[in-house]
Amino acid sequence: MHHELSGHQLFVEQLKPAPSAAHTRTEFESEAMPHVNDLYRTAARILGDGTRAEDVVQEAYLQAWKSYHRFERGTNCRAWLFKILFHCINHHRRKWFRFPLLKETEEFLEANLVAPTPVPDQLTDSEILGALDRIPDEYRAVILLVDVEEFAYKDASTILSVPLGTVMSRISRGRRLLRAQLQSVAESYGIGKRPAKEQGL
């Protein structure tokens, strides 16, 4: 379902370390490259465009390489890469798109959220991904990090550079929005709807 990138195809040819950095480059490839497809998958879902996702993932890895000397060995390299990725995404989408202020978006959603509904399990992956794509970016980001990429709330807080409480609030609201989207999709297929005679029609 996902377009996947080859790490070497993505950026290794573009890295031009000095001869003395060869050992560091080997370490970097070993630590960082296994996560390239995870980063691409998340970028593509956030941006909704495979080409732009490739651009930001490539930039994220190039930035990671340039700052690898500051990476603390033994810490979570995957979380570190995702933090750089979201920095790149935010930088690029300021150029590509115009977004409403987050505060306004959250206030609107808070006023319009409905009670959670059960989500049927007869939906396809593409329908679930489509529903995910229809919720606002800030909520989609935390759902992708926590529910798809399985980061702890604390890691998601660090990656997105927002307080832990904000992550918890957004994951709760995001899941409610996703549930509502999935319920709407299910009902369009007649899943989870009561028969007309039971509705008094």
Protein backbone atom coordinates (compact mmCIF):
# COMPACT_ATOMS: atom_id res chain seq x y z
CA MET A 1 0.00 0.00 0.00
CA HIS A 2 2.80 2.42 0.85
CA HIS A 3 5.47 3.64 -1.52
CA GLU A 4 8.68 2.70 0.22
CA LEU A 5 12.05 4.29 -0.21
CA SER A 6 15.42 2.66 -0.42
CA GLY A 7 17.72 4.29 2.07
CA HIS A 8 20.67 4.25 -0.29
CA GLN A 9 18.52 5.48 -3.18
CA LEU A 10 17.25 8.27 -0.95
CA PHE A 11 20.37 10.04 0.14
CA VAL A 12 23.54 8.05 0.75
CA GLU A 13 25.10 9.09 -2.56
CA GLN A 14 24.63 12.70 -1.54
CA LEU A 15 26.56 12.34 1.69
CA LYS A 16 30.13 13.42 1.19
CA PRO A 17 31.95 12.91 4.46
CA ALA A 18 35.63 13.55 4.85
CA PRO A 19 37.76 10.36 4.91
CA SER A 20 38.10 10.67 8.69
CA ALA A 21 34.29 10.53 9.00
CA ALA A 22 33.98 7.09 7.38
CA HIS A 23 33.44 5.32 10.70
CA THR A 24 30.81 7.86 11.72
CA ARG A 25 29.04 7.40 8.39
CA THR A 26 28.89 3.64 8.98
CA GLU A 27 27.41 4.25 12.44
CA PHE A 28 24.90 6.71 11.02
CA GLU A 29 23.75 4.31 8.33
CA SER A 30 23.41 1.53 10.90
CA GLU A 31 21.48 3.69 13.40
CA ALA A 32 19.39 5.88 11.12
CA MET A 33 18.69 4.11 7.84
CA PRO A 34 16.45 1.33 9.22
CA HIS A 35 13.83 4.02 9.98
CA VAL A 36 13.62 5.62 6.53
CA ASN A 37 10.35 3.93 5.51
CA ASP A 38 8.70 4.80 8.84
CA LEU A 39 9.56 8.46 8.27
CA TYR A 40 8.33 8.36 4.69
CA ARG A 41 5.04 6.71 5.69
CA THR A 42 4.38 9.41 8.29
CA ALA A 43 5.43 12.28 6.00
CA ALA A 44 3.19 11.00 3.20
CA ARG A 45 0.17 10.78 5.53
CA ILE A 46 0.81 14.27 6.90
CA LEU A 47 1.46 15.93 3.55
CA GLY A 48 -0.81 13.83 1.33
CA ASP A 49 1.79 13.89 -1.42
CA GLY A 50 4.45 11.25 -2.06
CA THR A 51 6.84 13.57 -3.89
CA ARG A 52 6.76 16.17 -1.13
CA ALA A 53 7.16 13.41 1.44
CA GLU A 54 10.30 12.22 -0.36
CA ASP A 55 11.64 15.78 -0.33
CA VAL A 56 11.15 16.29 3.41
CA VAL A 57 12.48 12.84 4.32
CA GLN A 58 15.56 13.47 2.22
CA GLU A 59 16.05 16.84 3.88
CA ALA A 60 15.49 15.29 7.32
CA TYR A 61 18.21 12.70 6.71
CA LEU A 62 20.63 15.27 5.35
CA GLN A 63 20.04 17.45 8.42
CA ALA A 64 20.40 14.41 10.66
CA TRP A 65 23.71 13.55 9.02
CA LYS A 66 25.01 17.09 9.44
CA SER A 67 24.10 17.13 13.13
CA TYR A 68 24.91 13.48 13.88
CA HIS A 69 27.95 14.52 15.91
CA ARG A 70 25.47 16.01 18.42
CA PHE A 71 23.34 12.86 18.63
CA GLU A 72 23.78 11.18 22.00
CA ARG A 73 24.69 7.53 21.39
CA GLY A 74 22.44 5.07 23.15
CA THR A 75 19.37 7.35 23.05
CA ASN A 76 16.33 6.87 20.84
CA CYS A 77 17.59 7.52 17.30
CA ARG A 78 14.14 6.92 15.79
CA ALA A 79 12.54 9.62 17.97
CA TRP A 80 15.44 11.97 17.17
CA LEU A 81 14.87 11.42 13.42
CA PHE A 82 11.13 12.00 13.75
CA LYS A 83 11.78 15.28 15.57
CA ILE A 84 13.96 16.42 12.67
CA LEU A 85 11.33 15.19 10.20
CA PHE A 86 8.57 17.27 11.80
CA HIS A 87 10.85 20.29 11.84
CA CYS A 88 11.34 19.82 8.07
CA ILE A 89 7.62 19.24 7.47
CA ASN A 90 6.71 22.42 9.35
CA HIS A 91 9.33 24.39 7.43
CA HIS A 92 8.13 23.12 4.05
CA ARG A 93 4.41 23.38 4.58
CA ARG A 94 4.76 27.03 5.62
CA LYS A 95 5.94 27.53 2.06
CA TRP A 96 3.42 25.19 0.41
CA PHE A 97 0.20 25.78 2.35
CA ARG A 98 -1.69 28.19 4.51
CA PHE A 99 -3.12 26.69 7.69
CA PRO A 100 -5.56 28.21 10.20
CA LEU A 101 -4.14 29.07 13.58
CA LEU A 102 -4.00 25.96 15.73
CA LYS A 103 -5.83 27.68 18.60
CA GLU A 104 -8.78 28.54 16.33
CA THR A 105 -8.87 25.00 14.98
CA GLU A 106 -8.88 23.48 18.45
CA GLU A 107 -11.59 25.85 19.68
CA PHE A 108 -13.80 25.00 16.70
CA LEU A 109 -13.31 21.28 17.17
CA GLU A 110 -13.91 21.48 20.92
CA ALA A 111 -17.25 23.18 20.24
CA ASN A 112 -18.29 20.68 17.58
CA LEU A 113 -17.08 17.28 18.82
CA VAL A 114 -19.77 14.69 19.36
CA ALA A 115 -19.87 11.75 21.75
CA PRO A 116 -17.72 8.79 20.67
CA THR A 117 -19.38 6.10 18.60
CA PRO A 118 -18.22 2.50 18.20
CA VAL A 119 -16.10 1.88 15.11
CA PRO A 120 -17.12 -1.11 12.97
CA ASP A 121 -14.33 -3.48 12.07
CA GLN A 122 -15.51 -4.25 8.53
CA LEU A 123 -13.68 -1.29 6.98
CA THR A 124 -10.71 -1.64 4.63
CA ASP A 125 -7.25 -0.20 5.24
CA SER A 126 -7.78 2.38 2.48
CA GLU A 127 -11.03 3.56 4.08
CA ILE A 128 -9.32 3.90 7.45
CA LEU A 129 -6.42 5.83 5.90
CA GLY A 130 -8.89 8.02 4.03
CA ALA A 131 -10.67 8.83 7.30
CA LEU A 132 -7.31 9.63 8.91
CA ASP A 133 -6.50 12.00 6.04
CA ARG A 134 -9.70 13.96 6.70
CA ILE A 135 -8.86 15.01 10.25
CA PRO A 136 -6.75 18.15 10.88
CA ASP A 137 -2.98 17.84 10.69
CA GLU A 138 -2.23 18.47 14.35
CA TYR A 139 -4.47 15.57 15.40
CA ARG A 140 -3.35 13.32 12.55
CA ALA A 141 0.26 13.86 13.62
CA VAL A 142 -0.25 12.62 17.18
CA ILE A 143 -2.35 9.65 16.03
CA LEU A 144 0.36 8.67 13.56
CA LEU A 145 3.08 8.98 16.19
CA VAL A 146 1.26 7.30 19.09
CA ASP A 147 -1.14 4.83 17.45
CA VAL A 148 0.70 3.97 14.22
CA GLU A 149 4.40 4.44 15.00
CA GLU A 150 3.85 3.45 18.68
CA PHE A 151 5.80 6.27 20.29
CA ALA A 152 5.17 6.97 23.97
CA TYR A 153 3.34 10.23 24.72
CA LYS A 154 6.59 11.66 26.10
CA ASP A 155 8.43 10.88 22.85
CA ALA A 156 5.60 12.41 20.81
CA SER A 157 5.83 15.52 22.99
CA THR A 158 9.55 15.81 22.23
CA ILE A 159 9.12 15.10 18.51
CA LEU A 160 6.38 17.70 18.06
CA SER A 161 7.91 20.21 20.52
CA VAL A 162 4.64 20.57 22.41
CA PRO A 163 3.83 19.96 26.09
CA LEU A 164 2.88 16.45 27.20
CA GLY A 165 -0.60 17.70 28.14
CA THR A 166 -1.11 18.97 24.60
CA VAL A 167 -0.21 15.56 23.18
CA MET A 168 -2.69 13.87 25.53
CA SER A 169 -5.40 16.37 24.64
CA ARG A 170 -4.79 16.04 20.91
CA ILE A 171 -4.69 12.25 20.94
CA SER A 172 -8.02 12.17 22.76
CA ARG A 173 -9.65 14.66 20.40
CA GLY A 174 -8.00 13.11 17.36
CA ARG A 175 -9.29 9.65 18.20
CA ARG A 176 -12.80 11.05 18.63
CA LEU A 177 -12.60 12.79 15.27
CA LEU A 178 -11.26 9.63 13.62
CA ARG A 179 -14.02 7.56 15.23
CA ALA A 180 -16.64 9.97 13.87
CA GLN A 181 -15.09 9.80 10.38
CA LEU A 182 -15.00 6.00 10.46
CA GLN A 183 -18.60 5.82 11.65
CA SER A 184 -19.64 8.07 8.76
CA VAL A 185 -17.78 5.87 6.26
CA ALA A 186 -19.31 2.72 7.76
CA GLU A 187 -22.83 4.12 7.60
CA SER A 188 -22.34 5.03 3.93
CA TYR A 189 -21.87 1.29 3.36
CA GLY A 190 -24.81 0.40 5.59
CA ILE A 191 -22.52 -0.89 8.35
CA GLY A 192 -23.75 -0.11 11.85
CA LYS A 193 -27.00 1.43 10.65
CA ARG A 194 -30.33 0.27 12.00
CA PRO A 195 -32.73 -1.07 9.36
CA ALA A 196 -35.32 1.49 8.21
CA LYS A 197 -38.20 -0.40 9.90
CA GLU A 198 -36.39 -0.15 13.25
CA GLN A 199 -36.07 3.61 12.76
CA GLY A 200 -39.85 3.88 12.30
CA LEU A 201 -39.59 4.61 8.57
